[in-house]
Amino acid sequence: MKDVLLSIISAIVENQDAIEIKEETQEDGVNYVVTVAKEDMGRVIGKNGKVIRAIRNVMKIPAIKNNTKIFVTLAEIPQE
């Protein structure tokens, strides 16, 4: 499932080398924490959050097949 998320995110962003996905296992499912370059954050969120909402909806499909829950979280990059 991490591979599916990586392919979706890499199709959206321009700086593909900055993509980092951490998998955190929780008792009610799996949380994927996605970190992208600062300039690509707007592309991943989209206007009014439509893109990230669509990514979360697409990721529900493999989760339902595996009978688990998936959460997709965007990590903030600290200001320098």
C-alpha atoms as a PDB file:
ATOM      1  CA  MET A   1       0.000   0.000   0.000  1.00  0.00           C
ATOM      2  CA  LYS A   2       2.952   2.276   0.593  1.00  0.00           C
ATOM      3  CA  ASP A   3       3.995   1.740  -3.033  1.00  0.00           C
ATOM      4  CA  VAL A   4       0.576   2.860  -4.266  1.00  0.00           C
ATOM      5  CA  LEU A   5       0.763   6.026  -2.181  1.00  0.00           C
ATOM      6  CA  LEU A   6       4.307   6.711  -3.388  1.00  0.00           C
ATOM      7  CA  SER A   7       3.295   6.419  -7.038  1.00  0.00           C
ATOM      8  CA  ILE A   8       0.339   8.779  -6.545  1.00  0.00           C
ATOM      9  CA  ILE A   9       2.411  11.395  -4.723  1.00  0.00           C
ATOM     10  CA  SER A  10       5.313  11.174  -7.185  1.00  0.00           C
ATOM     11  CA  ALA A  11       2.935  11.850 -10.086  1.00  0.00           C
ATOM     12  CA  ILE A  12       1.816  15.100  -8.439  1.00  0.00           C
ATOM     13  CA  VAL A  13       5.038  16.679  -7.176  1.00  0.00           C
ATOM     14  CA  GLU A  14       7.959  18.066  -9.164  1.00  0.00           C
ATOM     15  CA  ASN A  15      10.745  17.313  -6.665  1.00  0.00           C
ATOM     16  CA  GLN A  16      10.379  13.539  -6.406  1.00  0.00           C
ATOM     17  CA  ASP A  17      13.626  13.105  -4.476  1.00  0.00           C
ATOM     18  CA  ALA A  18      12.153  14.931  -1.477  1.00  0.00           C
ATOM     19  CA  ILE A  19       9.259  12.492  -1.009  1.00  0.00           C
ATOM     20  CA  GLU A  20       9.414  10.614   2.273  1.00  0.00           C
ATOM     21  CA  ILE A  21       6.699   8.287   3.535  1.00  0.00           C
ATOM     22  CA  LYS A  22       6.818   6.890   7.062  1.00  0.00           C
ATOM     23  CA  GLU A  23       4.564   4.013   8.048  1.00  0.00           C
ATOM     24  CA  GLU A  24       3.271   4.084  11.620  1.00  0.00           C
ATOM     25  CA  THR A  25       1.267   1.132  12.873  1.00  0.00           C
ATOM     26  CA  GLN A  26      -1.592   2.013  15.183  1.00  0.00           C
ATOM     27  CA  GLU A  27      -4.069  -0.222  16.964  1.00  0.00           C
ATOM     28  CA  ASP A  28      -6.900   0.788  14.629  1.00  0.00           C
ATOM     29  CA  GLY A  29      -4.945   0.880  11.359  1.00  0.00           C
ATOM     30  CA  VAL A  30      -1.886   2.249   9.597  1.00  0.00           C
ATOM     31  CA  ASN A  31      -0.914   5.918   9.415  1.00  0.00           C
ATOM     32  CA  TYR A  32       1.232   7.057   6.488  1.00  0.00           C
ATOM     33  CA  VAL A  33       3.048  10.317   7.197  1.00  0.00           C
ATOM     34  CA  VAL A  34       3.975  11.985   3.910  1.00  0.00           C
ATOM     35  CA  THR A  35       6.707  14.616   3.678  1.00  0.00           C
ATOM     36  CA  VAL A  36       7.280  16.521   0.434  1.00  0.00           C
ATOM     37  CA  ALA A  37       9.318  19.568  -0.538  1.00  0.00           C
ATOM     38  CA  LYS A  38       7.991  22.898   0.691  1.00  0.00           C
ATOM     39  CA  GLU A  39       7.236  24.120  -2.838  1.00  0.00           C
ATOM     40  CA  ASP A  40       5.236  20.952  -3.615  1.00  0.00           C
ATOM     41  CA  MET A  41       3.033  21.115  -0.506  1.00  0.00           C
ATOM     42  CA  GLY A  42       0.414  23.233  -2.286  1.00  0.00           C
ATOM     43  CA  ARG A  43       0.193  20.729  -5.135  1.00  0.00           C
ATOM     44  CA  VAL A  44      -0.424  17.851  -2.731  1.00  0.00           C
ATOM     45  CA  ILE A  45      -3.037  19.729  -0.698  1.00  0.00           C
ATOM     46  CA  GLY A  46      -4.799  21.230  -3.700  1.00  0.00           C
ATOM     47  CA  LYS A  47      -7.432  23.931  -3.784  1.00  0.00           C
ATOM     48  CA  ASN A  48      -9.603  23.653  -0.672  1.00  0.00           C
ATOM     49  CA  GLY A  49      -7.878  20.327   0.114  1.00  0.00           C
ATOM     50  CA  LYS A  50      -9.394  18.510  -2.844  1.00  0.00           C
ATOM     51  CA  VAL A  51      -6.229  16.693  -3.936  1.00  0.00           C
ATOM     52  CA  ILE A  52      -5.315  15.281  -0.507  1.00  0.00           C
ATOM     53  CA  ARG A  53      -8.949  14.301   0.025  1.00  0.00           C
ATOM     54  CA  ALA A  54      -8.909  12.429  -3.300  1.00  0.00           C
ATOM     55  CA  ILE A  55      -5.649  10.684  -2.346  1.00  0.00           C
ATOM     56  CA  ARG A  56      -7.198   9.565   0.942  1.00  0.00           C
ATOM     57  CA  ASN A  57     -10.280   8.253  -0.877  1.00  0.00           C
ATOM     58  CA  VAL A  58      -8.159   6.293  -3.365  1.00  0.00           C
ATOM     59  CA  MET A  59      -6.124   4.806  -0.514  1.00  0.00           C
ATOM     60  CA  LYS A  60      -9.319   3.484   1.073  1.00  0.00           C
ATOM     61  CA  ILE A  61      -9.669   0.940  -1.748  1.00  0.00           C
ATOM     62  CA  PRO A  62      -6.633  -1.233  -0.847  1.00  0.00           C
ATOM     63  CA  ALA A  63      -7.448  -0.738   2.834  1.00  0.00           C
ATOM     64  CA  ILE A  64     -10.917  -2.208   2.389  1.00  0.00           C
ATOM     65  CA  LYS A  65      -9.436  -5.143   0.463  1.00  0.00           C
ATOM     66  CA  ASN A  66      -7.004  -5.836   3.324  1.00  0.00           C
ATOM     67  CA  ASN A  67      -9.660  -5.204   5.986  1.00  0.00           C
ATOM     68  CA  THR A  68      -7.654  -2.408   7.645  1.00  0.00           C
ATOM     69  CA  LYS A  69      -7.880   1.339   8.054  1.00  0.00           C
ATOM     70  CA  ILE A  70      -5.450   3.722   6.410  1.00  0.00           C
ATOM     71  CA  PHE A  71      -4.762   7.298   7.439  1.00  0.00           C
ATOM     72  CA  VAL A  72      -2.731   9.677   5.265  1.00  0.00           C
ATOM     73  CA  THR A  73      -1.156  12.629   7.074  1.00  0.00           C
ATOM     74  CA  LEU A  74       0.940  15.436   5.622  1.00  0.00           C
ATOM     75  CA  ALA A  75       3.951  16.348   7.747  1.00  0.00           C
ATOM     76  CA  GLU A  76       4.888  19.983   8.095  1.00  0.00           C
ATOM     77  CA  ILE A  77       8.463  20.932   7.373  1.00  0.00           C
ATOM     78  CA  PRO A  78       9.829  23.211  10.106  1.00  0.00           C
ATOM     79  CA  GLN A  79      10.572  26.803   9.120  1.00  0.00           C
ATOM     80  CA  GLU A  80      14.262  27.513   8.653  1.00  0.00           C
END
